[in-house]
N, C-alpha and C. Protein backbone atom coordinates (compact mmCIF):
# COMPACT_ATOMS: atom_id res chain seq x y z
N UNK A 1 85.80 115.67 49.92
CA UNK A 1 85.59 116.71 48.55
C UNK A 1 87.00 116.67 48.79
N UNK A 2 87.63 117.31 47.15
CA UNK A 2 89.13 117.10 47.13
C UNK A 2 90.12 118.53 47.39
N UNK A 3 90.77 119.13 47.63
CA UNK A 3 91.07 120.38 48.46
C UNK A 3 90.68 121.43 46.78
N UNK A 4 90.28 122.44 47.99
CA UNK A 4 90.27 124.16 47.08
C UNK A 4 91.18 124.66 46.96
N UNK A 5 91.61 125.32 45.82
CA UNK A 5 91.81 126.85 46.08
C UNK A 5 90.25 128.29 45.83
N UNK A 6 91.80 128.78 45.32
CA UNK A 6 90.41 129.93 45.41
C UNK A 6 90.61 131.33 43.90
N UNK A 7 89.79 131.93 43.32
CA UNK A 7 89.51 132.44 42.05
C UNK A 7 91.58 133.43 42.10
N UNK A 8 91.96 133.82 43.24
CA UNK A 8 93.39 134.29 42.51
C UNK A 8 94.03 133.79 42.71
N UNK A 9 94.01 131.99 43.13
CA UNK A 9 94.78 131.44 43.01
C UNK A 9 95.02 130.28 41.96
N UNK A 10 94.02 130.50 41.50
CA UNK A 10 93.43 130.14 39.97
C UNK A 10 94.36 130.99 38.78
N UNK A 11 93.75 131.95 39.37
CA UNK A 11 94.05 133.34 38.13
C UNK A 11 95.67 133.02 38.33
N UNK A 12 96.55 133.07 38.89
CA UNK A 12 97.89 132.27 38.90
C UNK A 12 98.47 132.13 38.51
N UNK A 13 97.56 130.84 38.19
CA UNK A 13 98.35 129.40 37.98
C UNK A 13 98.28 129.01 36.17
N UNK A 14 97.05 129.57 35.98
CA UNK A 14 96.21 129.23 35.45
C UNK A 14 96.88 130.58 33.91
N UNK A 15 96.79 132.23 34.27
CA UNK A 15 97.62 133.39 33.46
C UNK A 15 96.05 134.13 32.98
N UNK A 16 95.02 132.98 33.64
CA UNK A 16 94.03 133.98 32.93
C UNK A 16 92.77 135.32 33.82
N UNK A 17 92.46 136.19 33.92
CA UNK A 17 92.29 136.96 34.24
C UNK A 17 91.18 136.61 35.29
N UNK A 18 90.53 137.51 36.49
CA UNK A 18 90.29 136.83 37.29
C UNK A 18 88.29 137.06 36.38
N UNK A 19 88.98 138.23 35.66
CA UNK A 19 87.15 138.94 34.87
C UNK A 19 87.14 138.11 34.53
N UNK A 20 88.27 136.78 33.39
CA UNK A 20 88.31 135.70 32.93
C UNK A 20 87.16 134.31 32.88
N UNK A 21 87.34 134.24 33.50
CA UNK A 21 87.83 133.59 35.03
C UNK A 21 85.87 132.96 35.67
N UNK A 22 85.61 134.66 35.78
CA UNK A 22 84.14 135.36 36.31
C UNK A 22 83.35 134.89 35.38
N UNK A 23 83.54 135.08 34.03
CA UNK A 23 82.77 135.43 33.05
C UNK A 23 82.67 133.31 32.24
N UNK A 24 84.16 132.78 32.32
CA UNK A 24 83.36 130.97 31.94
C UNK A 24 82.41 130.33 33.45
N UNK A 25 82.91 130.72 34.02
CA UNK A 25 82.11 130.13 35.28
C UNK A 25 80.48 130.63 34.23
N UNK A 26 80.18 132.34 34.65
CA UNK A 26 78.87 132.79 34.51
C UNK A 26 78.46 132.11 33.21
N UNK A 27 78.60 131.69 32.38
CA UNK A 27 78.45 130.92 30.43
C UNK A 27 78.24 129.83 31.82
N UNK A 28 79.31 129.27 31.75
CA UNK A 28 78.91 127.80 32.13
C UNK A 28 79.75 126.89 30.95
N UNK A 29 80.93 127.95 30.56
CA UNK A 29 82.08 127.05 29.86
C UNK A 29 83.45 125.58 31.53
N UNK A 30 83.34 126.84 32.62
CA UNK A 30 84.88 126.37 33.15
C UNK A 30 83.82 127.00 34.29
N UNK A 31 82.86 125.49 35.42
CA UNK A 31 83.09 126.61 36.59
C UNK A 31 83.83 125.48 37.95
N UNK A 32 83.43 126.13 38.81
CA UNK A 32 83.91 126.09 39.80
C UNK A 32 83.61 124.27 39.93
N UNK A 33 83.67 123.71 41.37
CA UNK A 33 83.51 122.02 41.92
C UNK A 33 82.85 123.43 42.95
N UNK A 34 83.02 123.75 43.37
CA UNK A 34 82.27 124.43 44.29
C UNK A 34 82.15 125.90 44.92
N UNK A 35 82.10 126.06 46.13
CA UNK A 35 81.52 127.32 46.45
C UNK A 35 81.49 127.59 48.07
N UNK A 36 81.60 128.78 48.95
CA UNK A 36 82.16 128.78 50.40
C UNK A 36 80.39 129.59 50.57
N UNK A 37 80.49 129.34 51.93
CA UNK A 37 79.06 129.81 52.25
C UNK A 37 78.84 131.20 51.81
N UNK A 38 80.36 132.29 51.86
CA UNK A 38 79.71 133.57 51.56
C UNK A 38 79.41 133.57 50.59
N UNK A 39 80.00 132.70 48.99
CA UNK A 39 79.16 132.26 47.37
C UNK A 39 80.48 133.15 46.57
N UNK A 40 82.22 132.80 47.40
CA UNK A 40 83.29 132.24 46.95
C UNK A 40 83.14 131.43 46.08
N UNK A 41 83.80 131.11 45.60
CA UNK A 41 84.27 130.68 43.57
C UNK A 41 85.53 129.40 45.08
N UNK A 42 85.45 128.17 45.01
CA UNK A 42 86.21 126.95 44.60
C UNK A 42 86.41 126.54 43.51
N UNK A 43 88.32 126.26 43.77
CA UNK A 43 88.56 125.10 42.16
C UNK A 43 89.07 124.42 43.09
N UNK A 44 88.77 122.76 41.75
CA UNK A 44 89.44 122.10 42.41
C UNK A 44 90.74 121.36 41.38
N UNK A 45 91.66 120.50 41.42
CA UNK A 45 92.58 121.00 40.04
C UNK A 45 92.36 119.88 39.03
N UNK A 46 90.96 119.35 38.73
CA UNK A 46 90.84 119.47 37.59
C UNK A 46 89.79 120.04 37.47
N UNK A 47 88.56 121.27 37.63
CA UNK A 47 88.85 122.58 36.72
C UNK A 47 90.18 123.05 37.02
N UNK A 48 91.71 123.26 37.52
CA UNK A 48 91.99 124.27 36.77
C UNK A 48 92.92 123.39 36.03
N UNK A 49 92.57 122.14 35.46
CA UNK A 49 92.95 121.16 34.23
C UNK A 49 91.69 121.73 33.49
N UNK A 50 90.77 121.43 33.31
CA UNK A 50 89.99 122.21 32.06
C UNK A 50 89.91 123.66 30.89
N UNK A 51 90.65 124.43 33.07
CA UNK A 51 91.15 125.92 32.39
C UNK A 51 92.59 126.21 32.07
N UNK A 52 93.35 125.42 31.93
CA UNK A 52 94.41 124.93 31.21
C UNK A 52 94.19 124.70 29.77
N UNK A 53 93.04 123.44 29.71
CA UNK A 53 92.73 123.27 27.83
C UNK A 53 92.27 124.31 27.23
N UNK A 54 91.82 125.30 28.07
CA UNK A 54 90.52 125.75 27.53
C UNK A 54 92.26 127.41 27.01
N UNK A 55 92.68 127.72 27.71
CA UNK A 55 93.54 128.05 27.72
C UNK A 55 94.61 128.14 26.91
N UNK A 56 94.80 126.69 26.41
CA UNK A 56 95.43 126.73 25.33
C UNK A 56 94.88 126.50 24.09
N UNK A 57 93.02 126.38 24.11
CA UNK A 57 92.49 126.54 23.07
C UNK A 57 92.45 127.47 21.76
N UNK A 58 91.86 128.50 23.37
CA UNK A 58 92.58 129.98 22.78
C UNK A 58 93.19 130.01 21.55
N UNK A 59 94.63 130.08 22.21
CA UNK A 59 95.48 130.66 20.57
C UNK A 59 95.70 130.27 19.31
N UNK A 60 94.68 129.17 19.42
CA UNK A 60 94.19 128.41 18.40
C UNK A 60 92.99 129.44 17.67
N UNK A 61 91.64 129.83 17.97
CA UNK A 61 90.96 130.29 17.63
C UNK A 61 90.07 129.85 17.60
N UNK A 62 89.74 128.64 18.71
CA UNK A 62 88.71 127.90 18.46
C UNK A 62 87.78 128.33 19.67
N UNK A 63 86.04 128.24 19.27
CA UNK A 63 85.12 129.10 19.56
C UNK A 63 85.17 128.31 21.45
N UNK A 64 84.49 129.28 22.05
CA UNK A 64 83.18 128.75 23.44
C UNK A 64 82.60 127.49 23.25
N UNK A 65 81.88 127.48 22.73
CA UNK A 65 81.00 126.17 21.81
C UNK A 65 82.09 125.14 22.23
N UNK A 66 83.35 124.86 21.07
CA UNK A 66 84.54 124.15 20.52
C UNK A 66 85.30 123.43 22.15
N UNK A 67 85.42 125.09 22.68
CA UNK A 67 85.77 124.80 24.73
C UNK A 67 85.67 123.83 24.83
N UNK A 68 83.53 123.89 25.24
CA UNK A 68 82.59 124.00 25.78
C UNK A 68 82.60 121.81 25.38
N UNK A 69 82.77 122.14 23.49
CA UNK A 69 82.03 120.03 23.33
C UNK A 69 84.04 119.30 23.92
N UNK A 70 85.01 119.91 23.36
CA UNK A 70 86.14 119.03 24.29
C UNK A 70 86.29 119.10 25.56
N UNK A 71 85.45 120.21 26.35
CA UNK A 71 85.62 119.47 28.05
C UNK A 71 84.56 118.48 28.67
N UNK A 72 83.67 118.45 27.42
CA UNK A 72 82.91 117.93 27.83
C UNK A 72 82.83 116.12 27.08
N UNK A 73 83.42 116.00 26.72
CA UNK A 73 84.31 115.18 25.65
C UNK A 73 85.18 114.46 26.82
N UNK A 74 86.00 115.39 27.79
CA UNK A 74 87.34 114.13 28.28
C UNK A 74 86.72 114.36 29.15
N UNK A 75 85.29 114.64 30.24
CA UNK A 75 84.99 114.95 31.46
C UNK A 75 84.36 113.25 30.88
N UNK A 76 83.87 112.95 30.15
CA UNK A 76 83.39 111.61 29.78
C UNK A 76 84.42 110.59 30.18
N UNK A 77 85.12 110.96 29.42
CA UNK A 77 86.57 110.20 29.06
C UNK A 77 87.01 109.55 30.21
N UNK A 78 86.66 111.19 30.87
CA UNK A 78 87.63 110.73 32.94
C UNK A 78 86.93 109.41 33.48
N UNK A 79 85.19 108.99 33.04
CA UNK A 79 85.13 108.43 34.23
C UNK A 79 84.58 107.04 33.07
N UNK A 80 85.10 107.44 32.04
CA UNK A 80 84.32 105.82 30.76
C UNK A 80 85.77 105.84 29.60
N UNK A 81 86.12 105.62 29.18
CA UNK A 81 87.59 105.46 29.07
C UNK A 81 87.92 104.83 28.04
N UNK A 82 86.74 104.17 27.61
CA UNK A 82 87.12 103.65 26.28
C UNK A 82 85.38 104.04 25.69
N UNK A 83 84.69 105.67 25.95
CA UNK A 83 83.67 106.24 25.25
C UNK A 83 83.51 106.22 23.60
N UNK A 84 84.11 105.75 23.38
CA UNK A 84 83.25 105.87 21.30
C UNK A 84 83.41 107.29 21.15
N UNK A 85 82.26 108.25 21.72
CA UNK A 85 81.53 108.80 21.16
C UNK A 85 82.86 110.10 21.60
N UNK A 86 83.12 110.16 22.59
CA UNK A 86 83.89 110.44 23.25
C UNK A 86 85.48 110.71 22.78
N UNK A 87 85.56 110.24 22.71
CA UNK A 87 87.26 109.56 21.87
C UNK A 87 87.44 109.64 20.31
N UNK A 88 85.98 109.65 19.83
CA UNK A 88 85.95 110.15 18.56
C UNK A 88 85.83 112.13 18.08
N UNK A 89 85.05 112.73 19.60
CA UNK A 89 84.51 113.88 19.16
C UNK A 89 86.49 114.71 19.45
N UNK A 90 86.70 113.33 20.20
CA UNK A 90 88.29 114.01 21.12
C UNK A 90 89.28 113.90 19.55
N UNK A 91 89.68 113.53 18.70
CA UNK A 91 90.34 112.82 18.05
C UNK A 91 90.57 114.16 17.02
N UNK A 92 89.01 114.14 17.11
CA UNK A 92 88.54 114.74 15.16
C UNK A 92 88.98 116.53 16.16
N UNK A 93 88.89 117.61 17.28
CA UNK A 93 88.89 118.55 17.25
C UNK A 93 90.80 117.87 17.02
N UNK A 94 91.68 117.01 18.10
CA UNK A 94 93.25 117.19 17.84
C UNK A 94 93.42 116.92 16.41
N UNK A 95 92.68 117.04 15.38
CA UNK A 95 93.57 116.55 13.76
C UNK A 95 93.22 118.00 12.88
N UNK A 96 92.18 118.79 13.91
CA UNK A 96 91.39 120.39 13.98
C UNK A 96 93.45 121.73 14.86
N UNK A 97 92.99 120.98 15.16
CA UNK A 97 94.53 121.56 16.62
C UNK A 97 95.46 121.43 16.39
N UNK A 98 96.12 120.25 15.08
CA UNK A 98 96.82 119.77 14.98
C UNK A 98 96.98 121.02 13.56
N UNK A 99 96.22 121.42 12.55
CA UNK A 99 96.13 121.88 11.58
C UNK A 99 96.11 123.20 11.58
N UNK A 100 95.02 123.98 12.36
CA UNK A 100 95.65 124.81 12.57
C UNK A 100 97.02 125.19 13.84
N UNK A 101 97.51 124.80 13.67
CA UNK A 101 99.48 124.78 14.51
C UNK A 101 100.25 124.33 12.88
N UNK A 102 99.74 124.00 11.89
CA UNK A 102 100.61 123.81 10.41
C UNK A 102 100.25 125.24 9.71
N UNK A 103 99.06 126.29 10.75
CA UNK A 103 99.01 127.15 9.26
C UNK A 103 99.45 128.77 10.23
N UNK A 104 99.96 127.85 11.38
CA UNK A 104 100.28 129.19 12.06
C UNK A 104 101.79 128.91 11.72
N UNK A 105 102.00 128.24 11.18
CA UNK A 105 104.16 127.39 11.41
C UNK A 105 103.93 128.76 10.20
N UNK A 106 103.02 127.81 9.08
CA UNK A 106 103.34 128.51 8.24
C UNK A 106 103.23 129.77 8.23
N UNK A 107 102.46 130.42 9.02
CA UNK A 107 102.38 132.05 9.06
C UNK A 107 103.61 132.61 9.75
N UNK A 108 104.56 132.17 10.28
CA UNK A 108 104.54 132.95 11.51
C UNK A 108 106.25 133.29 10.14
N UNK A 109 106.70 131.81 9.66
CA UNK A 109 107.36 131.76 8.51
C UNK A 109 107.81 132.60 7.81
N UNK A 110 106.21 132.97 7.30
CA UNK A 110 106.45 134.07 6.27
C UNK A 110 106.04 135.81 7.03
N UNK A 111 106.45 135.64 8.63
CA UNK A 111 106.60 136.16 9.59
C UNK A 111 107.98 136.18 9.77
N UNK A 112 108.21 135.45 9.59
CA UNK A 112 110.48 135.11 10.09
C UNK A 112 111.34 136.00 8.18
N UNK A 113 110.26 135.82 7.68
CA UNK A 113 111.10 136.07 6.07
C UNK A 113 110.69 137.73 5.72
N UNK A 114 109.90 137.77 5.99
CA UNK A 114 108.45 139.12 5.75
C UNK A 114 110.40 140.06 6.68
N UNK A 115 110.42 139.52 7.98
CA UNK A 115 111.60 140.44 8.83
C UNK A 115 113.34 140.42 8.71
N UNK A 116 113.47 139.32 7.86
CA UNK A 116 114.64 139.40 7.62
C UNK A 116 114.70 139.98 5.63
N UNK A 117 114.07 140.78 5.24
CA UNK A 117 114.13 141.30 4.96
C UNK A 117 114.12 142.63 5.08
N UNK A 118 112.93 142.97 5.67
CA UNK A 118 112.72 144.40 6.07
C UNK A 118 114.07 144.79 6.84
N UNK A 119 114.76 143.61 6.72
CA UNK A 119 116.34 144.40 7.77
C UNK A 119 117.40 144.26 6.78
N UNK A 120 117.06 143.45 5.34
CA UNK A 120 118.32 143.61 4.20
C UNK A 120 117.39 145.15 3.72
N UNK A 121 116.66 145.52 3.49
CA UNK A 121 116.20 146.75 3.22
C UNK A 121 117.40 147.81 3.38
């Protein structure tokens, strides 16, 4: 089995709270690969990468369901890089993420303009 880390280190590395990590596990979004005999969550580097992907999707307003779709497609591609369905799913999310980023960029520009005008008053 791959090297594993406990939830506290995962929280430190991902910037996600323990509560959020537990919630993602409970709903099946991003579950740890293993548990100790005492029930403590054990995460692999792949698990951490999944959580980082989820964390990056969150500010763009993706739903938990959409995050799950991306993780599922990424898992399929990890096993079969030529899977056309999974590739199409990720490409669709890529386009969506780019559009969401462009919208945020426009909002940030508007905020910068507001701040500049308020300073001039």
